[in-house]
Amino acid sequence: MRYECRMLGAFFLPVVVWAQIGINSFDGAVQEKTINWTLFERAPSRIRIWDDSTDVHEGQGALRASVVIGAINAWGSFAQIGYEVPPGESPMNWMESDSLFVWLKVHRPPSLPENFVFRMHLVDQPTPGDNKEEYIYENTEILDRAQGWVRLAIPLVERESDGSVLPNDEGFVLFPKTWGGGSYNNEVLDFDHLVRYSFVLVTSGWSSSGPLPADSIEVSFDAFARSGKSPVKEKAHPQENFHLLSNYPNPFNSSTEIVFSLLAPDRIHFTIFNPLGKEIMSFTDQKFNAGVYRIHFEAGNLPSGVYCVCLQTSKEIRVRKMVLLR
């Protein structure tokens, strides 16, 4: 039996609808150094992060963190885990996006959940000479109890702020100047000039009798993505002409979508191989204009297993794995 892709609309139309685009799959992110961490305070606060390949939501791995936040300040303290664009590379462009999504699993909840919050930080820098500007989103309940994998949706919008409004789950608020004590630039969240994102674990409150009590948590992150019209830029050299993103969903049951983009017109050879390395579908030497394209793949009666997607242009080859689960 021959399995083929079902095209959406006309044959390989550029994407014109909203799709979920991967930012970080966390498959080996710690080992590959696409994730870094910062501990704000001194000992006894500490943090350990590692690649977990056994307890994952999707793909080959999840990012797992064990965090201890000491009793240091009356307001609390925090640890943050995230990614920063290396010097000399282009900023991340999340224009025309409305939401971020990340899967979380709390393995060990905090002892005092009323003092523990999850925050998402975004940092922009309009030009290399500008100051970096930080925006904060907050969820006060997602870390309160041990639970299975939970999908957190984060509105990718900027809320009005007078510089003192506390963050909450309605969107991102500029980090108040009175907190940081520094200077900031244009006070506009530039989605096309993002240089850092981070997941922040915070003890937050106030103690009039001394430092806020110490606490700890163990939590995993997986499948960080955004809703948008075009793929997030991968860390790539300028001469690379195309990107092949991970399919979504992955793993999948009966169908999945594969997204690739071209910076310039080129000829494409596309192939899907089964777990035994046998070609199950392909198209060869077809010309595509620059743009973003989406392939809808129907698995039909194919058995469970790890399948490979191979996309080849006149100069480059990309391969991605996709997992079919029945």
Protein backbone atom coordinates (compact mmCIF):
# COMPACT_ATOMS: atom_id res chain seq x y z
CA MET A 1 0.00 0.00 0.00
CA ARG A 2 1.28 3.50 -0.80
CA TYR A 3 0.84 6.29 1.74
CA GLU A 4 0.67 9.87 0.57
CA CYS A 5 0.40 13.36 1.99
CA ARG A 6 -2.95 15.10 1.80
CA MET A 7 -2.47 18.71 0.77
CA LEU A 8 -4.47 21.47 2.42
CA GLY A 9 -6.23 23.55 -0.24
CA ALA A 10 -4.16 23.75 -3.41
CA PHE A 11 -0.96 21.77 -3.76
CA PHE A 12 1.49 23.05 -1.11
CA LEU A 13 0.00 26.45 -0.48
CA PRO A 14 2.06 28.71 1.79
CA VAL A 15 0.75 28.73 5.36
CA VAL A 16 -1.89 31.40 5.78
CA VAL A 17 -3.57 30.05 8.93
CA TRP A 18 -2.36 30.06 12.50
CA ALA A 19 -0.33 27.05 13.55
CA GLN A 20 1.56 25.95 16.65
CA ILE A 21 5.28 26.44 15.98
CA GLY A 22 7.95 24.83 18.15
CA ILE A 23 10.43 27.01 20.05
CA ASN A 24 12.25 24.37 22.09
CA SER A 25 11.44 20.65 22.21
CA PHE A 26 13.84 20.17 25.18
CA ASP A 27 15.22 17.05 23.49
CA GLY A 28 18.74 17.13 24.94
CA ALA A 29 18.55 20.91 25.56
CA VAL A 30 20.88 20.87 28.58
CA GLN A 31 23.53 18.75 26.87
CA GLU A 32 23.32 20.85 23.70
CA LYS A 33 23.58 24.04 25.81
CA THR A 34 20.42 25.62 24.39
CA ILE A 35 19.29 26.15 27.99
CA ASN A 36 21.08 28.06 30.74
CA TRP A 37 20.17 28.88 34.31
CA THR A 38 20.71 31.66 36.84
CA LEU A 39 20.40 31.46 40.60
CA PHE A 40 19.66 34.91 41.93
CA GLU A 41 20.83 34.34 45.49
CA ARG A 42 23.73 32.67 47.30
CA ALA A 43 23.77 29.38 49.23
CA PRO A 44 21.73 27.66 50.58
CA SER A 45 19.76 28.33 47.40
CA ARG A 46 20.68 25.89 44.63
CA ILE A 47 19.41 24.52 41.34
CA ARG A 48 20.11 21.40 39.30
CA ILE A 49 18.85 20.84 35.75
CA TRP A 50 19.15 17.74 33.58
CA ASP A 51 17.79 16.07 30.44
CA ASP A 52 15.07 13.56 31.37
CA SER A 53 14.53 10.96 28.63
CA THR A 54 12.15 8.72 30.61
CA ASP A 55 9.33 11.04 31.74
CA VAL A 56 8.40 13.20 28.74
CA HIS A 57 5.26 14.70 27.25
CA GLU A 58 6.44 14.36 23.65
CA GLY A 59 9.60 13.80 21.68
CA GLN A 60 12.80 12.35 23.10
CA GLY A 61 13.30 14.34 26.29
CA ALA A 62 12.14 16.93 28.81
CA LEU A 63 13.97 19.53 30.87
CA ARG A 64 13.88 18.63 34.58
CA ALA A 65 14.82 20.98 37.41
CA SER A 66 15.29 20.56 41.15
CA VAL A 67 15.31 23.96 42.88
CA VAL A 68 15.91 25.05 46.47
CA ILE A 69 15.28 28.71 47.32
CA GLY A 70 16.70 29.77 50.68
CA ALA A 71 15.33 32.08 53.34
CA ILE A 72 17.23 35.22 52.35
CA ASN A 73 14.96 38.22 51.72
CA ALA A 74 11.71 39.44 53.27
CA TRP A 75 10.14 39.44 49.78
CA GLY A 76 11.50 36.01 48.76
CA SER A 77 13.84 35.04 45.94
CA PHE A 78 13.93 33.15 42.61
CA ALA A 79 15.79 30.94 40.17
CA GLN A 80 15.40 31.17 36.40
CA ILE A 81 15.98 28.73 33.55
CA GLY A 82 16.02 29.87 29.94
CA TYR A 83 17.67 30.68 26.65
CA GLU A 84 19.61 33.76 25.58
CA VAL A 85 20.53 34.56 21.99
CA PRO A 86 24.34 34.30 21.67
CA PRO A 87 26.26 37.51 20.86
CA GLY A 88 26.34 38.21 17.14
CA GLU A 89 23.21 36.19 16.31
CA SER A 90 19.91 37.70 15.19
CA PRO A 91 17.18 38.19 17.82
CA MET A 92 14.14 35.93 17.95
CA ASN A 93 11.14 37.12 15.93
CA TRP A 94 7.73 36.26 17.38
CA MET A 95 5.69 38.79 15.44
CA GLU A 96 2.10 37.83 14.52
CA SER A 97 1.85 35.47 17.50
CA ASP A 98 -0.91 35.47 20.07
CA SER A 99 0.11 32.83 22.63
CA LEU A 100 2.95 30.78 24.07
CA PHE A 101 2.47 27.20 25.22
CA VAL A 102 4.57 25.02 27.51
CA TRP A 103 3.92 21.65 29.11
CA LEU A 104 4.77 21.35 32.82
CA LYS A 105 4.83 18.47 35.29
CA VAL A 106 5.26 19.05 39.02
CA HIS A 107 7.02 16.05 40.56
CA ARG A 108 7.43 17.54 44.04
CA PRO A 109 5.36 20.62 44.93
CA PRO A 110 6.52 23.39 47.27
CA SER A 111 5.79 23.12 50.99
CA LEU A 112 4.19 26.58 51.01
CA PRO A 113 2.36 26.87 47.68
CA GLU A 114 0.80 30.17 48.74
CA ASN A 115 4.30 31.70 48.50
CA PHE A 116 5.38 29.99 45.27
CA VAL A 117 4.64 31.30 41.77
CA PHE A 118 5.65 30.57 38.17
CA ARG A 119 6.77 33.42 35.95
CA MET A 120 7.67 33.72 32.29
CA HIS A 121 10.17 36.47 31.45
CA LEU A 122 10.74 37.95 27.99
CA VAL A 123 13.62 40.31 27.26
CA ASP A 124 13.82 42.53 24.17
CA GLN A 125 16.61 44.71 22.77
CA PRO A 126 15.56 46.83 19.73
CA THR A 127 19.17 47.45 18.69
CA PRO A 128 22.48 46.10 20.02
CA GLY A 129 23.18 49.49 21.60
CA ASP A 130 19.90 49.64 23.56
CA ASN A 131 19.37 48.52 27.12
CA LYS A 132 17.69 45.15 27.54
CA GLU A 133 14.08 45.44 28.66
CA GLU A 134 12.31 42.74 30.68
CA TYR A 135 8.60 41.80 30.72
CA ILE A 136 6.93 39.42 33.15
CA TYR A 137 3.94 37.06 33.13
CA GLU A 138 2.80 35.28 36.31
CA ASN A 139 0.71 32.23 37.21
CA THR A 140 0.11 31.62 40.92
CA GLU A 141 -1.46 28.13 40.78
CA ILE A 142 0.29 25.95 38.18
CA LEU A 143 3.01 24.80 40.64
CA ASP A 144 0.80 24.26 43.70
CA ARG A 145 0.42 20.46 43.58
CA ALA A 146 2.01 17.33 42.14
CA GLN A 147 0.25 16.38 38.91
CA GLY A 148 0.72 14.88 35.46
CA TRP A 149 1.65 16.88 32.39
CA VAL A 150 -0.36 20.14 32.14
CA ARG A 151 -0.39 22.54 29.19
CA LEU A 152 -0.01 26.18 30.21
CA ALA A 153 -1.18 28.78 27.68
CA ILE A 154 0.44 32.22 28.04
CA PRO A 155 -1.12 35.20 26.21
CA LEU A 156 1.59 36.87 24.16
CA VAL A 157 0.30 40.38 24.69
CA GLU A 158 1.61 43.50 26.39
CA ARG A 159 -0.52 44.88 29.21
CA GLU A 160 -0.62 48.57 30.04
CA SER A 161 1.52 49.36 33.06
CA ASP A 162 2.47 52.46 35.02
CA GLY A 163 5.67 50.78 36.15
CA SER A 164 4.25 49.41 39.39
CA VAL A 165 1.55 46.94 38.27
CA LEU A 166 2.31 43.42 39.42
CA PRO A 167 2.34 40.71 36.72
CA ASN A 168 -0.54 38.24 36.43
CA ASP A 169 -1.97 35.77 33.94
CA GLU A 170 -3.47 38.40 31.59
CA GLY A 171 -0.23 39.08 29.74
CA PHE A 172 3.24 40.59 30.07
CA VAL A 173 4.00 43.70 32.13
CA LEU A 174 7.21 45.77 31.96
CA PHE A 175 9.52 44.97 34.83
CA PRO A 176 8.89 47.93 37.18
CA LYS A 177 11.77 50.39 37.33
CA THR A 178 11.44 50.56 41.11
CA TRP A 179 12.29 46.82 41.28
CA GLY A 180 15.37 46.84 39.07
CA GLY A 181 16.69 50.31 39.87
CA GLY A 182 18.10 50.61 36.33
CA SER A 183 17.35 52.43 33.10
CA TYR A 184 15.21 50.98 30.36
CA ASN A 185 14.75 51.81 26.70
CA ASN A 186 11.56 52.53 24.78
CA GLU A 187 9.21 50.60 27.12
CA VAL A 188 7.53 48.81 24.19
CA LEU A 189 7.63 45.02 23.96
CA ASP A 190 9.35 44.39 20.62
CA PHE A 191 8.28 40.88 19.58
CA ASP A 192 10.68 40.93 16.64
CA HIS A 193 13.73 41.75 18.79
CA LEU A 194 13.57 39.19 21.62
CA VAL A 195 16.95 38.18 23.03
CA ARG A 196 16.01 36.01 26.01
CA TYR A 197 13.18 33.96 27.48
CA SER A 198 13.17 32.26 30.85
CA PHE A 199 10.99 30.15 33.15
CA VAL A 200 11.26 31.59 36.65
CA LEU A 201 10.50 29.80 39.93
CA VAL A 202 9.76 32.35 42.63
CA THR A 203 9.08 32.53 46.34
CA SER A 204 7.03 35.70 46.53
CA GLY A 205 5.37 37.45 49.43
CA TRP A 206 6.36 39.51 52.45
CA SER A 207 7.54 38.69 55.94
CA SER A 208 7.76 41.48 58.53
CA SER A 209 9.59 39.24 61.00
CA GLY A 210 12.49 38.18 58.78
CA PRO A 211 13.22 36.40 55.50
CA LEU A 212 10.41 34.61 53.68
CA PRO A 213 10.69 30.86 54.51
CA ALA A 214 12.85 28.64 52.33
CA ASP A 215 11.12 26.25 49.93
CA SER A 216 11.88 23.80 47.12
CA ILE A 217 10.29 22.24 44.05
CA GLU A 218 11.02 19.66 41.36
CA VAL A 219 9.40 20.33 37.98
CA SER A 220 9.77 19.38 34.29
CA PHE A 221 9.22 21.43 31.13
CA ASP A 222 8.52 20.11 27.61
CA ALA A 223 7.31 21.19 24.16
CA PHE A 224 7.65 24.97 24.39
CA ALA A 225 5.86 26.52 21.40
CA ARG A 226 4.02 29.57 20.13
CA SER A 227 0.93 30.17 18.02
CA GLY A 228 1.91 32.08 14.92
CA LYS A 229 2.03 32.45 11.14
CA SER A 230 5.70 31.70 10.54
CA PRO A 231 8.39 29.51 12.13
CA VAL A 232 10.64 30.78 14.87
CA LYS A 233 14.14 31.30 13.55
CA GLU A 234 16.36 28.35 14.30
CA LYS A 235 19.95 29.01 15.31
CA ALA A 236 21.30 28.84 11.76
CA HIS A 237 24.00 30.32 9.61
CA PRO A 238 22.89 33.06 7.19
CA GLN A 239 23.68 30.93 4.13
CA GLU A 240 21.14 28.24 5.10
CA ASN A 241 18.22 28.55 2.71
CA PHE A 242 15.57 26.42 4.42
CA HIS A 243 14.29 25.06 7.73
CA LEU A 244 12.43 21.84 8.46
CA LEU A 245 10.57 22.12 11.77
CA SER A 246 9.46 19.23 13.96
CA ASN A 247 6.05 17.91 12.99
CA TYR A 248 3.05 18.72 15.19
CA PRO A 249 1.68 16.88 16.99
CA ASN A 250 4.61 14.61 17.80
CA PRO A 251 4.00 11.87 18.87
CA PHE A 252 0.85 11.58 16.72
CA ASN A 253 -1.92 9.02 16.34
CA SER A 254 -3.26 9.09 12.80
CA SER A 255 -2.21 12.39 11.23
CA THR A 256 0.35 15.13 11.70
CA GLU A 257 1.57 18.28 9.99
CA ILE A 258 5.10 18.97 8.76
CA VAL A 259 6.22 22.56 8.22
CA PHE A 260 9.20 23.78 6.22
CA SER A 261 10.30 27.17 4.95
CA LEU A 262 12.41 28.43 2.06
CA LEU A 263 14.25 31.76 1.96
CA ALA A 264 14.67 31.55 -1.83
CA PRO A 265 13.14 29.47 -4.66
CA ASP A 266 14.54 25.93 -4.84
CA ARG A 267 13.78 22.35 -5.90
CA ILE A 268 12.64 19.99 -3.16
CA HIS A 269 12.97 16.23 -2.70
CA PHE A 270 10.73 15.04 0.16
CA THR A 271 10.70 11.49 1.59
CA ILE A 272 9.22 9.67 4.58
CA PHE A 273 10.85 6.40 5.74
CA ASN A 274 9.34 3.75 8.04
CA PRO A 275 11.20 2.32 11.11
CA LEU A 276 12.90 -0.27 8.84
CA GLY A 277 14.26 2.42 6.53
CA LYS A 278 11.83 1.67 3.71
CA GLU A 279 10.51 4.61 1.70
CA ILE A 280 6.73 4.88 2.15
CA MET A 281 6.06 8.12 0.26
CA SER A 282 7.93 10.84 -1.61
CA PHE A 283 7.83 13.53 -4.25
CA THR A 284 10.92 14.52 -6.19
CA ASP A 285 12.45 17.53 -7.90
CA GLN A 286 9.53 19.92 -7.54
CA LYS A 287 10.08 23.70 -7.65
CA PHE A 288 8.88 25.88 -4.75
CA ASN A 289 8.97 29.63 -4.31
CA ALA A 290 10.25 31.29 -1.13
CA GLY A 291 7.76 30.95 1.74
CA VAL A 292 6.41 28.68 4.45
CA TYR A 293 4.72 25.38 3.50
CA ARG A 294 2.68 22.82 5.37
CA ILE A 295 2.24 19.11 4.61
CA HIS A 296 -0.62 17.16 6.17
CA PHE A 297 0.42 13.50 6.55
CA GLU A 298 -2.18 10.75 7.01
CA ALA A 299 -0.65 7.56 8.45
CA GLY A 300 -3.47 5.28 7.33
CA ASN A 301 -2.82 1.74 8.61
CA LEU A 302 0.87 2.27 9.34
CA PRO A 303 2.06 0.62 12.59
CA SER A 304 3.48 2.44 15.60
CA GLY A 305 7.13 3.38 15.43
CA VAL A 306 9.70 6.10 14.75
CA TYR A 307 9.47 7.46 11.18
CA CYS A 308 11.98 9.76 9.50
CA VAL A 309 11.17 12.81 7.38
CA CYS A 310 13.91 13.78 4.93
CA LEU A 311 13.82 17.10 3.07
CA GLN A 312 16.52 17.83 0.50
CA THR A 313 17.14 20.97 -1.57
CA SER A 314 19.78 21.52 -4.24
CA LYS A 315 22.39 22.14 -1.53
CA GLU A 316 21.14 20.96 1.87
CA ILE A 317 19.48 18.02 3.64
CA ARG A 318 17.39 18.02 6.83
CA VAL A 319 16.05 14.99 8.71
CA ARG A 320 13.49 14.93 11.53
CA LYS A 321 12.04 12.05 13.53
CA MET A 322 8.32 11.68 14.15
CA VAL A 323 6.72 9.13 16.46
CA LEU A 324 3.49 7.32 15.50
CA LEU A 325 1.58 5.91 18.50
CA ARG A 326 -1.48 3.71 18.05
